Amino acid sequence: MSIRLADPEPGIRLVTIDRPEQRNALDRAAYAGLTEAFRAVAGENSVAAVVLTGAGGCFTAGNDLKDFQDVETGATAPA
């Protein structure tokens, strides 16, 4: 899984992007994991703060372009 969750202190949720070998570049799985993590915390009254961080000394390099290359755009290919 590319997203790790932890509760290091009462009331604090730590969300870590965990793809250090790709400099924490965001792929579709990471976006899904982040969405799930933030939806889950939205319903938890015991969490007062969410800290978003990246593993391995890098926050994120942005989108993982290789992962998005096969996404259909809806455009038709020339004949």
PDB file of N, CA and C in Angstrom:
ATOM      1  N   MET A   1       0.849  -1.189   0.000  1.00  0.00           N
ATOM      2  CA  MET A   1       0.000   0.000   0.000  1.00  0.00           C
ATOM      3  C   MET A   1       0.887   1.243   0.000  1.00  0.00           C
ATOM      4  N   SER A   2       0.493   2.228  -0.748  1.00  0.00           N
ATOM      5  CA  SER A   2       1.326   3.411  -0.886  1.00  0.00           C
ATOM      6  C   SER A   2       1.004   4.508   0.123  1.00  0.00           C
ATOM      7  N   ILE A   3      -0.007   4.296   0.960  1.00  0.00           N
ATOM      8  CA  ILE A   3      -0.376   5.261   1.997  1.00  0.00           C
ATOM      9  C   ILE A   3      -0.366   4.550   3.340  1.00  0.00           C
ATOM     10  N   ARG A   4       0.378   5.131   4.301  1.00  0.00           N
ATOM     11  CA  ARG A   4       0.420   4.582   5.662  1.00  0.00           C
ATOM     12  C   ARG A   4      -0.288   5.540   6.604  1.00  0.00           C
ATOM     13  N   LEU A   5      -1.012   4.980   7.568  1.00  0.00           N
ATOM     14  CA  LEU A   5      -1.696   5.776   8.584  1.00  0.00           C
ATOM     15  C   LEU A   5      -1.143   5.441   9.956  1.00  0.00           C
ATOM     16  N   ALA A   6      -1.034   6.453  10.793  1.00  0.00           N
ATOM     17  CA  ALA A   6      -0.593   6.249  12.172  1.00  0.00           C
ATOM     18  C   ALA A   6      -1.236   7.319  13.045  1.00  0.00           C
ATOM     19  N   ASP A   7      -1.305   7.027  14.322  1.00  0.00           N
ATOM     20  CA  ASP A   7      -1.799   7.977  15.315  1.00  0.00           C
ATOM     21  C   ASP A   7      -0.696   8.170  16.352  1.00  0.00           C
ATOM     22  N   PRO A   8       0.285   9.041  16.071  1.00  0.00           N
ATOM     23  CA  PRO A   8       1.439   9.181  16.957  1.00  0.00           C
ATOM     24  C   PRO A   8       1.127   9.796  18.318  1.00  0.00           C
ATOM     25  N   GLU A   9       0.083  10.589  18.381  1.00  0.00           N
ATOM     26  CA  GLU A   9      -0.366  11.231  19.617  1.00  0.00           C
ATOM     27  C   GLU A   9      -1.884  11.250  19.602  1.00  0.00           C
ATOM     28  N   PRO A  10      -2.514  11.306  20.772  1.00  0.00           N
ATOM     29  CA  PRO A  10      -3.976  11.415  20.785  1.00  0.00           C
ATOM     30  C   PRO A  10      -4.430  12.644  19.993  1.00  0.00           C
ATOM     31  N   GLY A  11      -5.392  12.441  19.105  1.00  0.00           N
ATOM     32  CA  GLY A  11      -5.945  13.541  18.332  1.00  0.00           C
ATOM     33  C   GLY A  11      -5.192  13.872  17.053  1.00  0.00           C
ATOM     34  N   ILE A  12      -4.082  13.161  16.767  1.00  0.00           N
ATOM     35  CA  ILE A  12      -3.288  13.446  15.574  1.00  0.00           C
ATOM     36  C   ILE A  12      -3.256  12.217  14.678  1.00  0.00           C
ATOM     37  N   ARG A  13      -3.622  12.393  13.418  1.00  0.00           N
ATOM     38  CA  ARG A  13      -3.550  11.321  12.422  1.00  0.00           C
ATOM     39  C   ARG A  13      -2.416  11.675  11.466  1.00  0.00           C
ATOM     40  N   LEU A  14      -1.476  10.785  11.319  1.00  0.00           N
ATOM     41  CA  LEU A  14      -0.347  10.952  10.415  1.00  0.00           C
ATOM     42  C   LEU A  14      -0.612  10.137   9.153  1.00  0.00           C
ATOM     43  N   VAL A  15      -0.657  10.814   8.012  1.00  0.00           N
ATOM     44  CA  VAL A  15      -0.881  10.178   6.717  1.00  0.00           C
ATOM     45  C   VAL A  15       0.431  10.310   5.942  1.00  0.00           C
ATOM     46  N   THR A  16       1.031   9.164   5.603  1.00  0.00           N
ATOM     47  CA  THR A  16       2.336   9.165   4.938  1.00  0.00           C
ATOM     48  C   THR A  16       2.230   8.575   3.539  1.00  0.00           C
ATOM     49  N   ILE A  17       2.685   9.332   2.554  1.00  0.00           N
ATOM     50  CA  ILE A  17       2.820   8.816   1.192  1.00  0.00           C
ATOM     51  C   ILE A  17       4.080   7.956   1.212  1.00  0.00           C
ATOM     52  N   ASP A  18       3.937   6.663   0.936  1.00  0.00           N
ATOM     53  CA  ASP A  18       5.036   5.717   1.146  1.00  0.00           C
ATOM     54  C   ASP A  18       5.465   5.045  -0.165  1.00  0.00           C
ATOM     55  N   ARG A  19       6.074   5.839  -1.035  1.00  0.00           N
ATOM     56  CA  ARG A  19       6.658   5.336  -2.284  1.00  0.00           C
ATOM     57  C   ARG A  19       8.033   5.982  -2.460  1.00  0.00           C
ATOM     58  N   PRO A  20       8.912   5.839  -1.483  1.00  0.00           N
ATOM     59  CA  PRO A  20      10.189   6.571  -1.543  1.00  0.00           C
ATOM     60  C   PRO A  20      11.045   6.217  -2.751  1.00  0.00           C
ATOM     61  N   GLU A  21      10.928   4.984  -3.271  1.00  0.00           N
ATOM     62  CA  GLU A  21      11.712   4.606  -4.448  1.00  0.00           C
ATOM     63  C   GLU A  21      11.289   5.399  -5.685  1.00  0.00           C
ATOM     64  N   GLN A  22      10.067   5.959  -5.682  1.00  0.00           N
ATOM     65  CA  GLN A  22       9.583   6.826  -6.757  1.00  0.00           C
ATOM     66  C   GLN A  22       9.475   8.276  -6.280  1.00  0.00           C
ATOM     67  N   ARG A  23      10.201   8.608  -5.244  1.00  0.00           N
ATOM     68  CA  ARG A  23      10.162   9.941  -4.626  1.00  0.00           C
ATOM     69  C   ARG A  23       8.725  10.345  -4.286  1.00  0.00           C
ATOM     70  N   ASN A  24       7.956   9.337  -3.851  1.00  0.00           N
ATOM     71  CA  ASN A  24       6.566   9.515  -3.427  1.00  0.00           C
ATOM     72  C   ASN A  24       5.683  10.134  -4.506  1.00  0.00           C
ATOM     73  N   ALA A  25       6.009   9.832  -5.764  1.00  0.00           N
ATOM     74  CA  ALA A  25       5.164  10.289  -6.873  1.00  0.00           C
ATOM     75  C   ALA A  25       3.780   9.667  -6.717  1.00  0.00           C
ATOM     76  N   LEU A  26       2.763  10.452  -6.997  1.00  0.00           N
ATOM     77  CA  LEU A  26       1.387  10.025  -6.789  1.00  0.00           C
ATOM     78  C   LEU A  26       0.860   9.272  -8.001  1.00  0.00           C
ATOM     79  N   ASP A  27       0.498   8.013  -7.782  1.00  0.00           N
ATOM     80  CA  ASP A  27      -0.156   7.216  -8.814  1.00  0.00           C
ATOM     81  C   ASP A  27      -1.630   7.092  -8.464  1.00  0.00           C
ATOM     82  N   ARG A  28      -2.380   6.377  -9.281  1.00  0.00           N
ATOM     83  CA  ARG A  28      -3.823   6.247  -9.014  1.00  0.00           C
ATOM     84  C   ARG A  28      -4.093   5.562  -7.676  1.00  0.00           C
ATOM     85  N   ALA A  29      -3.270   4.599  -7.306  1.00  0.00           N
ATOM     86  CA  ALA A  29      -3.458   3.910  -6.024  1.00  0.00           C
ATOM     87  C   ALA A  29      -3.225   4.869  -4.858  1.00  0.00           C
ATOM     88  N   ALA A  30      -2.244   5.746  -4.985  1.00  0.00           N
ATOM     89  CA  ALA A  30      -1.976   6.724  -3.918  1.00  0.00           C
ATOM     90  C   ALA A  30      -3.144   7.701  -3.778  1.00  0.00           C
ATOM     91  N   TYR A  31      -3.670   8.174  -4.915  1.00  0.00           N
ATOM     92  CA  TYR A  31      -4.833   9.064  -4.848  1.00  0.00           C
ATOM     93  C   TYR A  31      -6.015   8.372  -4.179  1.00  0.00           C
ATOM     94  N   ALA A  32      -6.236   7.109  -4.518  1.00  0.00           N
ATOM     95  CA  ALA A  32      -7.336   6.355  -3.895  1.00  0.00           C
ATOM     96  C   ALA A  32      -7.091   6.196  -2.400  1.00  0.00           C
ATOM     97  N   GLY A  33      -5.855   5.900  -2.012  1.00  0.00           N
ATOM     98  CA  GLY A  33      -5.519   5.755  -0.599  1.00  0.00           C
ATOM     99  C   GLY A  33      -5.681   7.048   0.172  1.00  0.00           C
ATOM    100  N   LEU A  34      -5.272   8.165  -0.427  1.00  0.00           N
ATOM    101  CA  LEU A  34      -5.439   9.467   0.227  1.00  0.00           C
ATOM    102  C   LEU A  34      -6.917   9.803   0.387  1.00  0.00           C
ATOM    103  N   THR A  35      -7.700   9.538  -0.646  1.00  0.00           N
ATOM    104  CA  THR A  35      -9.142   9.792  -0.573  1.00  0.00           C
ATOM    105  C   THR A  35      -9.771   8.982   0.552  1.00  0.00           C
ATOM    106  N   GLU A  36      -9.427   7.715   0.620  1.00  0.00           N
ATOM    107  CA  GLU A  36      -9.955   6.844   1.676  1.00  0.00           C
ATOM    108  C   GLU A  36      -9.534   7.332   3.062  1.00  0.00           C
ATOM    109  N   ALA A  37      -8.272   7.727   3.200  1.00  0.00           N
ATOM    110  CA  ALA A  37      -7.763   8.186   4.497  1.00  0.00           C
ATOM    111  C   ALA A  37      -8.488   9.447   4.968  1.00  0.00           C
ATOM    112  N   PHE A  38      -8.681  10.410   4.053  1.00  0.00           N
ATOM    113  CA  PHE A  38      -9.335  11.654   4.449  1.00  0.00           C
ATOM    114  C   PHE A  38     -10.835  11.471   4.674  1.00  0.00           C
ATOM    115  N   ARG A  39     -11.463  10.584   3.935  1.00  0.00           N
ATOM    116  CA  ARG A  39     -12.884  10.299   4.190  1.00  0.00           C
ATOM    117  C   ARG A  39     -13.060   9.641   5.553  1.00  0.00           C
ATOM    118  N   ALA A  40     -12.162   8.738   5.885  1.00  0.00           N
ATOM    119  CA  ALA A  40     -12.259   8.044   7.170  1.00  0.00           C
ATOM    120  C   ALA A  40     -12.085   9.010   8.335  1.00  0.00           C
ATOM    121  N   VAL A  41     -11.121   9.913   8.218  1.00  0.00           N
ATOM    122  CA  VAL A  41     -10.858  10.840   9.319  1.00  0.00           C
ATOM    123  C   VAL A  41     -11.968  11.887   9.449  1.00  0.00           C
ATOM    124  N   ALA A  42     -12.685  12.165   8.370  1.00  0.00           N
ATOM    125  CA  ALA A  42     -13.768  13.151   8.426  1.00  0.00           C
ATOM    126  C   ALA A  42     -14.850  12.749   9.413  1.00  0.00           C
ATOM    127  N   GLY A  43     -15.034  11.464   9.623  1.00  0.00           N
ATOM    128  CA  GLY A  43     -16.055  10.995  10.542  1.00  0.00           C
ATOM    129  C   GLY A  43     -15.550  10.699  11.941  1.00  0.00           C
ATOM    130  N   GLU A  44     -14.293  10.981  12.205  1.00  0.00           N
ATOM    131  CA  GLU A  44     -13.719  10.686  13.519  1.00  0.00           C
ATOM    132  C   GLU A  44     -13.582  11.961  14.340  1.00  0.00           C
ATOM    133  N   ASN A  45     -14.435  12.116  15.320  1.00  0.00           N
ATOM    134  CA  ASN A  45     -14.385  13.302  16.177  1.00  0.00           C
ATOM    135  C   ASN A  45     -13.147  13.346  17.058  1.00  0.00           C
ATOM    136  N   SER A  46     -12.494  12.216  17.252  1.00  0.00           N
ATOM    137  CA  SER A  46     -11.319  12.173  18.122  1.00  0.00           C
ATOM    138  C   SER A  46     -10.055  12.709  17.443  1.00  0.00           C
ATOM    139  N   VAL A  47     -10.099  12.919  16.120  1.00  0.00           N
ATOM    140  CA  VAL A  47      -8.930  13.427  15.395  1.00  0.00           C
ATOM    141  C   VAL A  47      -9.070  14.937  15.220  1.00  0.00           C
ATOM    142  N   ALA A  48      -8.131  15.677  15.803  1.00  0.00           N
ATOM    143  CA  ALA A  48      -8.160  17.136  15.730  1.00  0.00           C
ATOM    144  C   ALA A  48      -7.280  17.688  14.616  1.00  0.00           C
ATOM    145  N   ALA A  49      -6.256  16.913  14.213  1.00  0.00           N
ATOM    146  CA  ALA A  49      -5.336  17.383  13.173  1.00  0.00           C
ATOM    147  C   ALA A  49      -4.866  16.209  12.328  1.00  0.00           C
ATOM    148  N   VAL A  50      -4.683  16.504  11.042  1.00  0.00           N
ATOM    149  CA  VAL A  50      -4.133  15.517  10.117  1.00  0.00           C
ATOM    150  C   VAL A  50      -2.821  16.086   9.583  1.00  0.00           C
ATOM    151  N   VAL A  51      -1.763  15.283   9.649  1.00  0.00           N
ATOM    152  CA  VAL A  51      -0.458  15.680   9.132  1.00  0.00           C
ATOM    153  C   VAL A  51      -0.171  14.806   7.917  1.00  0.00           C
ATOM    154  N   LEU A  52       0.050  15.436   6.762  1.00  0.00           N
ATOM    155  CA  LEU A  52       0.369  14.731   5.526  1.00  0.00           C
ATOM    156  C   LEU A  52       1.864  14.869   5.278  1.00  0.00           C
ATOM    157  N   THR A  53       2.539  13.730   5.088  1.00  0.00           N
ATOM    158  CA  THR A  53       3.988  13.732   4.908  1.00  0.00           C
ATOM    159  C   THR A  53       4.384  12.685   3.880  1.00  0.00           C
ATOM    160  N   GLY A  54       5.658  12.688   3.511  1.00  0.00           N
ATOM    161  CA  GLY A  54       6.189  11.705   2.581  1.00  0.00           C
ATOM    162  C   GLY A  54       7.319  10.922   3.224  1.00  0.00           C
ATOM    163  N   ALA A  55       7.437   9.661   2.855  1.00  0.00           N
ATOM    164  CA  ALA A  55       8.486   8.801   3.401  1.00  0.00           C
ATOM    165  C   ALA A  55       9.820   9.072   2.705  1.00  0.00           C
ATOM    166  N   GLY A  56      10.905   8.766   3.373  1.00  0.00           N
ATOM    167  CA  GLY A  56      12.224   8.807   2.762  1.00  0.00           C
ATOM    168  C   GLY A  56      12.790  10.185   2.492  1.00  0.00           C
ATOM    169  N   GLY A  57      12.353  11.189   3.216  1.00  0.00           N
ATOM    170  CA  GLY A  57      12.943  12.513   3.076  1.00  0.00           C
ATOM    171  C   GLY A  57      12.432  13.340   1.907  1.00  0.00           C
ATOM    172  N   CYS A  58      11.373  12.893   1.252  1.00  0.00           N
ATOM    173  CA  CYS A  58      10.786  13.639   0.132  1.00  0.00           C
ATOM    174  C   CYS A  58       9.284  13.677   0.326  1.00  0.00           C
ATOM    175  N   PHE A  59       8.689  14.867   0.209  1.00  0.00           N
ATOM    176  CA  PHE A  59       7.242  14.945   0.349  1.00  0.00           C
ATOM    177  C   PHE A  59       6.584  14.248  -0.842  1.00  0.00           C
ATOM    178  N   THR A  60       6.710  14.788  -2.031  1.00  0.00           N
ATOM    179  CA  THR A  60       6.220  14.133  -3.244  1.00  0.00           C
ATOM    180  C   THR A  60       6.838  14.801  -4.458  1.00  0.00           C
ATOM    181  N   ALA A  61       7.080  14.008  -5.483  1.00  0.00           N
ATOM    182  CA  ALA A  61       7.608  14.524  -6.743  1.00  0.00           C
ATOM    183  C   ALA A  61       6.479  14.928  -7.684  1.00  0.00           C
ATOM    184  N   GLY A  62       5.235  14.806  -7.248  1.00  0.00           N
ATOM    185  CA  GLY A  62       4.096  15.128  -8.102  1.00  0.00           C
ATOM    186  C   GLY A  62       3.460  13.860  -8.633  1.00  0.00           C
ATOM    187  N   ASN A  63       2.808  13.961  -9.775  1.00  0.00           N
ATOM    188  CA  ASN A  63       2.154  12.788 -10.360  1.00  0.00           C
ATOM    189  C   ASN A  63       3.172  11.825 -10.950  1.00  0.00           C
ATOM    190  N   ASP A  64       2.868  10.538 -10.833  1.00  0.00           N
ATOM    191  CA  ASP A  64       3.658   9.490 -11.471  1.00  0.00           C
ATOM    192  C   ASP A  64       3.149   9.392 -12.911  1.00  0.00           C
ATOM    193  N   LEU A  65       3.800  10.086 -13.819  1.00  0.00           N
ATOM    194  CA  LEU A  65       3.311  10.196 -15.190  1.00  0.00           C
ATOM    195  C   LEU A  65       3.193   8.842 -15.877  1.00  0.00           C
ATOM    196  N   LYS A  66       4.083   7.921 -15.547  1.00  0.00           N
ATOM    197  CA  LYS A  66       4.017   6.588 -16.154  1.00  0.00           C
ATOM    198  C   LYS A  66       2.688   5.908 -15.831  1.00  0.00           C
ATOM    199  N   ASP A  67       2.183   6.094 -14.621  1.00  0.00           N
ATOM    200  CA  ASP A  67       0.933   5.468 -14.207  1.00  0.00           C
ATOM    201  C   ASP A  67      -0.269   6.061 -14.942  1.00  0.00           C
ATOM    202  N   PHE A  68      -0.182   7.305 -15.364  1.00  0.00           N
ATOM    203  CA  PHE A  68      -1.313   7.968 -16.003  1.00  0.00           C
ATOM    204  C   PHE A  68      -1.274   7.886 -17.531  1.00  0.00           C
ATOM    205  N   GLN A  69      -0.246   7.327 -18.117  1.00  0.00           N
ATOM    206  CA  GLN A  69      -0.125   7.274 -19.567  1.00  0.00           C
ATOM    207  C   GLN A  69      -1.185   6.406 -20.227  1.00  0.00           C
ATOM    208  N   ASP A  70      -1.708   5.420 -19.529  1.00  0.00           N
ATOM    209  CA  ASP A  70      -2.688   4.535 -20.150  1.00  0.00           C
ATOM    210  C   ASP A  70      -4.141   4.930 -19.857  1.00  0.00           C
ATOM    211  N   VAL A  71      -4.364   6.089 -19.278  1.00  0.00           N
ATOM    212  CA  VAL A  71      -5.710   6.547 -18.972  1.00  0.00           C
ATOM    213  C   VAL A  71      -6.350   7.086 -20.255  1.00  0.00           C
ATOM    214  N   GLU A  72      -7.556   6.609 -20.533  1.00  0.00           N
ATOM    215  CA  GLU A  72      -8.266   7.056 -21.713  1.00  0.00           C
ATOM    216  C   GLU A  72      -8.708   8.504 -21.542  1.00  0.00           C
ATOM    217  N   THR A  73      -8.538   9.297 -22.591  1.00  0.00           N
ATOM    218  CA  THR A  73      -8.904  10.709 -22.533  1.00  0.00           C
ATOM    219  C   THR A  73     -10.296  10.971 -23.080  1.00  0.00           C
ATOM    220  N   GLY A  74     -10.877   9.990 -23.766  1.00  0.00           N
ATOM    221  CA  GLY A  74     -12.175  10.186 -24.365  1.00  0.00           C
ATOM    222  C   GLY A  74     -12.065  10.657 -25.806  1.00  0.00           C
ATOM    223  N   ALA A  75     -10.882  11.053 -26.210  1.00  0.00           N
ATOM    224  CA  ALA A  75     -10.672  11.487 -27.588  1.00  0.00           C
ATOM    225  C   ALA A  75     -10.552  10.248 -28.489  1.00  0.00           C
ATOM    226  N   THR A  76     -10.952  10.391 -29.714  1.00  0.00           N
ATOM    227  CA  THR A  76     -10.830   9.284 -30.647  1.00  0.00           C
ATOM    228  C   THR A  76      -9.519   9.396 -31.403  1.00  0.00           C
ATOM    229  N   ALA A  77      -8.943   8.265 -31.712  1.00  0.00           N
ATOM    230  CA  ALA A  77      -7.680   8.240 -32.439  1.00  0.00           C
ATOM    231  C   ALA A  77      -7.937   8.553 -33.905  1.00  0.00           C
ATOM    232  N   PRO A  78      -6.977   9.220 -34.557  1.00  0.00           N
ATOM    233  CA  PRO A  78      -7.158   9.508 -35.978  1.00  0.00           C
ATOM    234  C   PRO A  78      -7.237   8.224 -36.794  1.00  0.00           C
ATOM    235  N   ALA A  79      -8.048   8.247 -37.853  1.00  0.00           N
ATOM    236  CA  ALA A  79      -8.234   7.041 -38.691  1.00  0.00           C
ATOM    237  C   ALA A  79      -7.123   6.881 -39.696  1.00  0.00           C
TER     238      ALA A  79
END
